[in-house]
Amino acid sequence: MAARFEPDSLIEAAEKQIMQVEYARSMREPPWDGYCGLVQTCDEECLSGSGFRWSSGSGNAAFGNSPKYNPFGTPGSAAGNSTRSSVSEPRQASHEHPGAGGSTFHPRALFSPKHLAPPQQPAKPGTSPAQSRRPPRFVRPTGPLSQDAGTLLLRLTDRLIAIRSDAEEQQGGATGDLIAQQAAVTEEAYKAGVACMESHDTMNAERLLCLALTACPVDRVKAQEKIKSLLARCRAAAS
């Protein structure tokens, strides 16, 4: 008896293979070019103030002192949290009392919690395995990874808002230190977006990649094109 041809199963297998190949390629190749993945003109002071350490052997920056980068670390343990606190502490008073700082920047104008992936409802009791034999192509996970992705998105958004708020108050635009901090947000959001794509969490992956594209310095065209390419793949996989 001839095997039954099922085009849906072939499409699912092909899309899964594409995702695996893309993730493996992203892990093999350095995502950016230069310090912080983006900025090559920063000095040692900017390096030490942004939560990064410089690896002279590879020419790339690495987070903290840990051998393996974890994009979903807790805010207290994340290496980039020092950047967030150093940027946001001078701005807490003006955020709590808008009249004091005189800034018209709205903290939640960039991203809103309504854009995050809503929590998945638990399956109804008594559901047989046969009723869920044909799952969706891309299932959004409901475990700790999805929750940590939403928390990380809010934390990185707050960091970017604080950086841009400080840049607006400075005459002549952002300094090298602020650009380095902005590049650090881009790097962390990009890596977290890749991790979400690996777990087929396409909704949070798209949000994180959009944040990475927003935070990317305008003069880093190569990095912007790399984010746009991965973002297009993410949206194609979710459709």
Protein backbone atom coordinates (compact mmCIF):
# COMPACT_ATOMS: atom_id res chain seq x y z
CA MET A 1 0.00 0.00 0.00
CA ALA A 2 1.44 3.36 -1.02
CA ALA A 3 2.28 5.86 1.69
CA ARG A 4 -0.22 8.64 2.12
CA PHE A 5 1.03 12.05 1.02
CA GLU A 6 0.44 14.70 3.68
CA PRO A 7 1.62 18.15 2.55
CA ASP A 8 0.99 19.72 5.96
CA SER A 9 3.43 17.39 7.67
CA LEU A 10 6.08 18.12 5.05
CA ILE A 11 5.59 21.86 5.50
CA GLU A 12 5.86 21.54 9.27
CA ALA A 13 9.05 19.48 8.97
CA ALA A 14 10.57 21.97 6.52
CA GLU A 15 9.73 24.98 8.70
CA LYS A 16 11.14 23.26 11.77
CA GLN A 17 14.35 22.48 9.90
CA ILE A 18 14.64 26.10 8.75
CA MET A 19 14.25 27.31 12.33
CA GLN A 20 16.91 24.90 13.57
CA VAL A 21 19.35 25.88 10.82
CA GLU A 22 18.79 29.59 11.45
CA TYR A 23 19.32 29.21 15.18
CA ALA A 24 22.46 27.12 14.68
CA ARG A 25 23.84 29.72 12.27
CA SER A 26 23.08 32.53 14.70
CA MET A 27 24.90 30.70 17.48
CA ARG A 28 27.98 29.98 15.33
CA GLU A 29 28.42 33.44 13.93
CA PRO A 30 28.95 36.52 16.09
CA PRO A 31 25.74 38.54 15.80
CA TRP A 32 27.52 41.86 15.55
CA ASP A 33 30.83 43.35 14.50
CA GLY A 34 32.95 44.91 17.20
CA TYR A 35 32.54 46.08 20.75
CA CYS A 36 29.12 45.55 22.27
CA GLY A 37 28.47 43.95 18.98
CA LEU A 38 27.87 47.40 17.57
CA VAL A 39 30.12 50.21 18.80
CA GLN A 40 33.83 50.08 17.96
CA THR A 41 34.85 53.55 19.13
CA CYS A 42 34.19 53.21 22.88
CA ASP A 43 37.03 53.56 25.34
CA GLU A 44 37.82 51.62 28.51
CA GLU A 45 35.58 53.80 30.69
CA CYS A 46 32.54 53.11 28.54
CA LEU A 47 33.48 49.44 28.58
CA SER A 48 33.56 49.17 32.36
CA GLY A 49 30.43 51.27 32.82
CA SER A 50 28.18 49.21 30.59
CA GLY A 51 28.46 45.83 32.30
CA PHE A 52 30.73 44.31 29.66
CA ARG A 53 34.25 42.98 29.73
CA TRP A 54 36.50 43.01 26.68
CA SER A 55 37.94 39.79 25.30
CA SER A 56 41.09 40.71 23.41
CA GLY A 57 41.43 37.24 21.93
CA SER A 58 38.13 37.12 20.08
CA GLY A 59 37.59 40.83 19.62
CA ASN A 60 34.06 40.59 21.00
CA ALA A 61 32.48 41.73 24.22
CA ALA A 62 31.14 39.29 26.80
CA PHE A 63 28.66 39.76 29.60
CA GLY A 64 30.04 39.97 33.14
CA ASN A 65 32.33 37.18 34.26
CA SER A 66 30.03 34.22 33.60
CA PRO A 67 31.22 31.73 30.95
CA LYS A 68 27.75 31.36 29.46
CA TYR A 69 25.36 34.20 28.73
CA ASN A 70 21.80 33.74 29.98
CA PRO A 71 19.42 36.29 28.44
CA PHE A 72 16.69 35.37 30.90
CA GLY A 73 18.61 35.91 34.12
CA THR A 74 16.83 37.53 37.02
CA PRO A 75 17.05 41.34 37.15
CA GLY A 76 19.20 41.12 40.27
CA SER A 77 21.74 38.79 38.68
CA ALA A 78 21.81 40.12 35.12
CA ALA A 79 25.05 41.79 34.18
CA GLY A 80 23.25 44.56 32.37
CA ASN A 81 21.23 45.44 35.46
CA SER A 82 24.00 47.73 36.68
CA THR A 83 23.52 49.77 33.54
CA ARG A 84 19.81 50.00 34.17
CA SER A 85 20.26 51.14 37.75
CA SER A 86 23.00 53.63 36.90
CA VAL A 87 20.87 55.18 34.20
CA SER A 88 17.50 55.08 35.93
CA GLU A 89 18.43 56.19 39.45
CA PRO A 90 19.04 59.83 38.47
CA ARG A 91 15.72 59.77 36.65
CA GLN A 92 13.51 58.25 39.35
CA ALA A 93 12.57 61.58 40.86
CA SER A 94 11.52 63.06 37.53
CA HIS A 95 9.56 59.92 36.61
CA GLU A 96 7.69 59.98 39.93
CA HIS A 97 7.18 63.75 39.74
CA PRO A 98 6.83 64.73 36.06
CA GLY A 99 6.86 68.43 36.80
CA ALA A 100 10.33 68.34 38.30
CA GLY A 101 12.23 67.21 35.23
CA GLY A 102 10.15 69.01 32.63
CA SER A 103 10.47 66.10 30.18
CA THR A 104 7.54 65.14 27.96
CA PHE A 105 8.82 61.61 27.32
CA HIS A 106 6.20 58.97 28.10
CA PRO A 107 7.76 55.85 29.69
CA ARG A 108 5.26 53.40 28.19
CA ALA A 109 4.98 54.95 24.74
CA LEU A 110 7.45 52.55 23.14
CA PHE A 111 5.98 49.23 24.24
CA SER A 112 2.89 48.40 26.26
CA PRO A 113 2.16 45.26 28.31
CA LYS A 114 -0.85 44.66 26.09
CA HIS A 115 1.57 43.71 23.30
CA LEU A 116 3.03 40.88 25.34
CA ALA A 117 1.90 37.32 24.88
CA PRO A 118 -1.18 36.71 27.07
CA PRO A 119 -1.08 33.76 29.47
CA GLN A 120 -2.28 30.52 27.94
CA GLN A 121 -5.40 28.97 29.43
CA PRO A 122 -4.89 25.44 30.82
CA ALA A 123 -6.31 22.54 28.87
CA LYS A 124 -9.76 21.39 29.86
CA PRO A 125 -9.79 18.23 31.96
CA GLY A 126 -10.90 15.12 30.15
CA THR A 127 -9.41 16.13 26.80
CA SER A 128 -8.29 13.04 24.94
CA PRO A 129 -4.96 12.90 23.07
CA ALA A 130 -6.86 12.31 19.83
CA GLN A 131 -8.46 15.75 20.08
CA SER A 132 -5.06 17.43 20.06
CA ARG A 133 -3.40 15.19 17.49
CA ARG A 134 -3.01 18.08 15.01
CA PRO A 135 -1.42 20.90 17.03
CA PRO A 136 -0.68 24.33 15.55
CA ARG A 137 2.55 24.67 13.66
CA PHE A 138 4.07 26.99 16.22
CA VAL A 139 2.90 26.57 19.80
CA ARG A 140 3.65 29.46 22.12
CA PRO A 141 5.21 28.02 25.28
CA THR A 142 3.57 28.79 28.60
CA GLY A 143 6.44 27.80 30.88
CA PRO A 144 9.12 29.91 32.58
CA LEU A 145 10.75 30.88 29.26
CA SER A 146 7.65 32.75 28.05
CA GLN A 147 7.21 34.51 31.40
CA ASP A 148 10.89 35.46 31.58
CA ALA A 149 10.75 36.80 28.02
CA GLY A 150 7.91 39.15 28.95
CA THR A 151 9.74 40.31 32.08
CA LEU A 152 12.96 40.84 30.13
CA LEU A 153 11.10 42.83 27.47
CA LEU A 154 9.72 45.22 30.08
CA ARG A 155 13.11 45.57 31.78
CA LEU A 156 14.94 46.31 28.53
CA THR A 157 12.22 48.76 27.50
CA ASP A 158 12.66 50.65 30.76
CA ARG A 159 16.42 50.74 30.21
CA LEU A 160 16.03 52.12 26.70
CA ILE A 161 13.53 54.72 27.89
CA ALA A 162 15.92 55.90 30.60
CA ILE A 163 18.81 56.09 28.13
CA ARG A 164 16.80 58.12 25.62
CA SER A 165 15.49 60.37 28.37
CA ASP A 166 19.05 61.16 29.45
CA ALA A 167 20.06 61.73 25.83
CA GLU A 168 17.26 64.26 25.34
CA GLU A 169 18.55 66.33 28.26
CA GLN A 170 22.10 66.49 26.93
CA GLN A 171 23.11 69.17 24.50
CA GLY A 172 24.42 67.82 21.21
CA GLY A 173 22.81 64.38 21.36
CA ALA A 174 23.88 61.13 22.97
CA THR A 175 27.45 60.61 24.17
CA GLY A 176 29.59 57.56 23.58
CA ASP A 177 28.61 56.11 26.94
CA LEU A 178 24.89 56.37 26.19
CA ILE A 179 25.42 54.84 22.76
CA ALA A 180 27.27 51.94 24.37
CA GLN A 181 24.40 51.39 26.79
CA GLN A 182 21.93 51.55 23.92
CA ALA A 183 23.98 48.96 22.04
CA ALA A 184 23.96 46.72 25.11
CA VAL A 185 20.14 46.79 25.10
CA THR A 186 20.20 45.85 21.41
CA GLU A 187 22.56 42.95 22.03
CA GLU A 188 20.56 41.52 24.92
CA ALA A 189 17.22 41.87 23.14
CA TYR A 190 18.62 40.21 20.00
CA LYS A 191 20.00 37.20 21.87
CA ALA A 192 16.77 36.79 23.82
CA GLY A 193 14.78 36.97 20.59
CA VAL A 194 16.90 34.20 19.08
CA ALA A 195 16.30 32.06 22.19
CA CYS A 196 12.54 32.62 21.86
CA MET A 197 12.65 31.61 18.20
CA GLU A 198 14.38 28.37 19.15
CA SER A 199 11.49 27.52 21.48
CA HIS A 200 8.93 28.59 18.82
CA ASP A 201 7.78 31.51 21.01
CA THR A 202 7.33 33.66 17.92
CA MET A 203 5.19 36.31 19.59
CA ASN A 204 7.75 37.29 22.24
CA ALA A 205 10.57 36.76 19.72
CA GLU A 206 8.99 39.37 17.44
CA ARG A 207 8.60 41.84 20.32
CA LEU A 208 12.20 41.40 21.44
CA LEU A 209 13.55 41.75 17.90
CA CYS A 210 11.45 44.89 17.37
CA LEU A 211 12.94 46.31 20.56
CA ALA A 212 16.44 45.40 19.34
CA LEU A 213 15.77 47.21 16.06
CA THR A 214 14.48 50.27 17.92
CA ALA A 215 17.49 50.38 20.23
CA CYS A 216 20.07 49.78 17.50
CA PRO A 217 22.26 52.85 16.86
CA VAL A 218 21.31 54.53 13.59
CA ASP A 219 24.84 54.41 12.19
CA ARG A 220 25.05 50.61 12.42
CA VAL A 221 23.41 49.68 9.14
CA LYS A 222 24.84 46.16 9.06
CA ALA A 223 23.41 45.35 12.47
CA GLN A 224 20.03 46.80 11.52
CA GLU A 225 19.89 44.66 8.38
CA LYS A 226 20.74 41.55 10.40
CA ILE A 227 17.90 42.25 12.85
CA LYS A 228 15.46 42.97 10.02
CA SER A 229 16.37 39.71 8.30
CA LEU A 230 15.76 37.65 11.43
CA LEU A 231 12.58 39.60 12.18
CA ALA A 232 11.24 38.80 8.71
CA ARG A 233 11.92 35.10 9.26
CA CYS A 234 10.16 35.28 12.61
CA ARG A 235 7.07 36.91 11.11
CA ALA A 236 7.03 34.42 8.24
CA ALA A 237 7.17 31.54 10.70
CA ALA A 238 4.32 32.98 12.76
CA SER A 239 2.03 33.48 9.76
